[in-house]
């Protein structure tokens, strides 16, 4: 039997196309979604496409670092970057067409470098968000 977990996110409208996110009991600084299509300097939050790209990059980063730690590899530095490629589909609607993620673990140990190669072959399979996005996620919409 497949085990499931439900994660709930609350969203409340503030103004225009700006929404405040509520993660429930998880205490995080206020985070807002801003789809007002203003200049980036004027935005008060991030777009859903940026959140999606950051979720994929965050999951991949966690998965790779977990794999590395299981192989007793000392990482000196780690950074990641995600780029959401947004364009129009065949019907002319804006869509996230691709998410490009670059992960950059740094280590000075030659032995650690060999172990990193092992992780490169498998860590993506264990990333919940990335594999879900790749395969497509069933979305059920209810308008109350």
Protein backbone atom coordinates (compact mmCIF):
# COMPACT_ATOMS: atom_id res chain seq x y z
CA UNK A 1 0.00 0.00 0.00
CA UNK A 2 1.28 3.45 -0.92
CA UNK A 3 1.79 5.81 1.99
CA UNK A 4 0.59 9.38 1.45
CA UNK A 5 1.03 12.68 3.22
CA UNK A 6 -0.97 15.85 2.70
CA UNK A 7 0.76 19.22 2.77
CA UNK A 8 -1.55 22.22 2.92
CA UNK A 9 -0.73 25.75 1.88
CA UNK A 10 -3.06 28.69 2.54
CA UNK A 11 -3.20 31.64 0.16
CA UNK A 12 -4.93 34.93 0.89
CA UNK A 13 -5.45 37.75 -1.59
CA UNK A 14 -3.97 41.12 -0.64
CA UNK A 15 -4.41 43.35 -3.73
CA UNK A 16 -4.03 43.29 -7.51
CA UNK A 17 -2.46 39.88 -8.21
CA UNK A 18 -0.56 39.71 -4.91
CA UNK A 19 -1.23 36.84 -2.49
CA UNK A 20 0.24 36.02 0.93
CA UNK A 21 1.22 32.40 1.55
CA UNK A 22 0.46 30.63 4.82
CA UNK A 23 2.42 27.48 5.61
CA UNK A 24 0.47 26.71 8.77
CA UNK A 25 2.51 25.66 11.79
CA UNK A 26 5.78 26.14 9.90
CA UNK A 27 7.14 29.48 11.03
CA UNK A 28 8.73 31.18 8.04
CA UNK A 29 8.96 34.85 7.10
CA UNK A 30 6.04 36.18 5.08
CA UNK A 31 6.20 35.06 1.49
CA UNK A 32 4.11 36.52 -1.30
CA UNK A 33 3.20 35.55 -4.83
CA UNK A 34 3.13 38.52 -7.20
CA UNK A 35 1.77 38.03 -10.73
CA UNK A 36 1.20 41.71 -11.46
CA UNK A 37 3.74 41.58 -14.32
CA UNK A 38 5.38 44.75 -13.09
CA UNK A 39 9.01 45.58 -13.35
CA UNK A 40 10.99 43.19 -11.11
CA UNK A 41 12.12 46.13 -8.96
CA UNK A 42 8.48 46.87 -8.08
CA UNK A 43 7.37 43.33 -7.24
CA UNK A 44 6.52 42.49 -3.62
CA UNK A 45 6.78 38.73 -4.09
CA UNK A 46 7.87 36.02 -6.47
CA UNK A 47 6.01 34.59 -9.42
CA UNK A 48 4.65 31.04 -9.27
CA UNK A 49 7.12 30.09 -12.03
CA UNK A 50 10.02 31.21 -9.81
CA UNK A 51 8.58 29.25 -6.89
CA UNK A 52 8.31 26.16 -9.09
CA UNK A 53 11.92 26.53 -10.27
CA UNK A 54 13.12 27.09 -6.71
CA UNK A 55 11.21 24.01 -5.53
CA UNK A 56 12.88 21.86 -8.18
CA UNK A 57 16.34 23.28 -7.43
CA UNK A 58 15.83 22.98 -3.68
CA UNK A 59 14.72 19.37 -3.94
CA UNK A 60 17.62 18.45 -6.22
CA UNK A 61 20.08 20.20 -3.90
CA UNK A 62 18.74 18.31 -0.89
CA UNK A 63 18.79 15.01 -2.74
CA UNK A 64 22.37 15.46 -3.94
CA UNK A 65 23.64 16.60 -0.54
CA UNK A 66 21.87 13.68 1.15
CA UNK A 67 23.54 11.24 -1.26
CA UNK A 68 26.90 12.90 -0.71
CA UNK A 69 26.53 12.74 3.08
CA UNK A 70 25.66 9.01 2.91
CA UNK A 71 29.01 8.45 1.18
CA UNK A 72 30.87 10.41 3.87
CA UNK A 73 31.93 13.10 1.44
CA UNK A 74 32.97 16.43 2.92
CA UNK A 75 31.53 19.29 0.87
CA UNK A 76 33.32 22.59 1.32
CA UNK A 77 30.79 24.72 -0.56
CA UNK A 78 27.50 24.17 -2.33
CA UNK A 79 25.43 26.43 -4.53
CA UNK A 80 22.65 25.96 -7.03
CA UNK A 81 20.90 27.99 -9.68
CA UNK A 82 17.60 27.42 -11.42
CA UNK A 83 16.30 29.03 -14.57
CA UNK A 84 12.67 28.74 -15.62
CA UNK A 85 12.28 29.06 -19.38
CA UNK A 86 8.89 30.63 -20.00
CA UNK A 87 7.34 30.82 -23.43
CA UNK A 88 4.17 30.24 -25.36
CA UNK A 89 2.75 26.81 -26.08
CA UNK A 90 1.06 25.80 -29.34
CA UNK A 91 -2.15 27.52 -28.23
CA UNK A 92 -0.29 30.75 -27.49
CA UNK A 93 -0.53 30.48 -23.71
CA UNK A 94 2.41 31.22 -21.43
CA UNK A 95 3.87 28.06 -19.91
CA UNK A 96 6.98 26.94 -18.09
CA UNK A 97 8.65 25.11 -20.96
CA UNK A 98 11.77 23.98 -19.15
CA UNK A 99 13.58 24.28 -15.84
CA UNK A 100 17.37 24.26 -16.05
CA UNK A 101 19.15 23.54 -12.75
CA UNK A 102 22.87 23.80 -12.11
CA UNK A 103 24.23 22.27 -8.91
CA UNK A 104 27.75 23.11 -7.81
CA UNK A 105 29.17 21.09 -4.92
CA UNK A 106 32.80 21.90 -4.20
CA UNK A 107 35.30 19.68 -2.44
CA UNK A 108 39.08 19.59 -2.31
CA UNK A 109 39.30 15.84 -1.76
CA UNK A 110 40.11 13.66 -4.82
CA UNK A 111 38.42 10.68 -3.12
CA UNK A 112 35.30 12.78 -2.59
CA UNK A 113 35.23 13.65 -6.27
CA UNK A 114 34.99 9.93 -7.15
CA UNK A 115 32.07 9.51 -4.77
CA UNK A 116 30.34 12.53 -6.25
CA UNK A 117 30.31 10.74 -9.60
CA UNK A 118 28.37 7.87 -7.97
CA UNK A 119 25.77 10.31 -6.66
CA UNK A 120 25.42 12.01 -10.05
CA UNK A 121 24.15 8.71 -11.47
CA UNK A 122 21.27 8.32 -9.01
CA UNK A 123 20.31 11.33 -6.86
CA UNK A 124 17.68 12.71 -9.26
CA UNK A 125 15.54 9.57 -8.89
CA UNK A 126 15.08 10.39 -5.20
CA UNK A 127 13.98 14.01 -5.68
CA UNK A 128 10.25 14.08 -4.96
CA UNK A 129 9.49 17.41 -6.62
CA UNK A 130 11.63 17.01 -9.74
CA UNK A 131 10.38 13.55 -10.60
CA UNK A 132 6.77 14.63 -9.96
CA UNK A 133 7.11 17.64 -12.26
CA UNK A 134 8.80 15.54 -14.95
CA UNK A 135 5.99 13.01 -14.98
CA UNK A 136 3.20 15.50 -14.59
CA UNK A 137 1.07 15.96 -11.51
CA UNK A 138 -2.65 15.40 -11.39
CA UNK A 139 -4.28 18.70 -10.47
CA UNK A 140 -7.82 18.78 -9.12
CA UNK A 141 -9.44 22.23 -9.03
CA UNK A 142 -12.44 23.07 -6.86
CA UNK A 143 -14.09 26.48 -6.96
CA UNK A 144 -16.18 26.88 -3.80
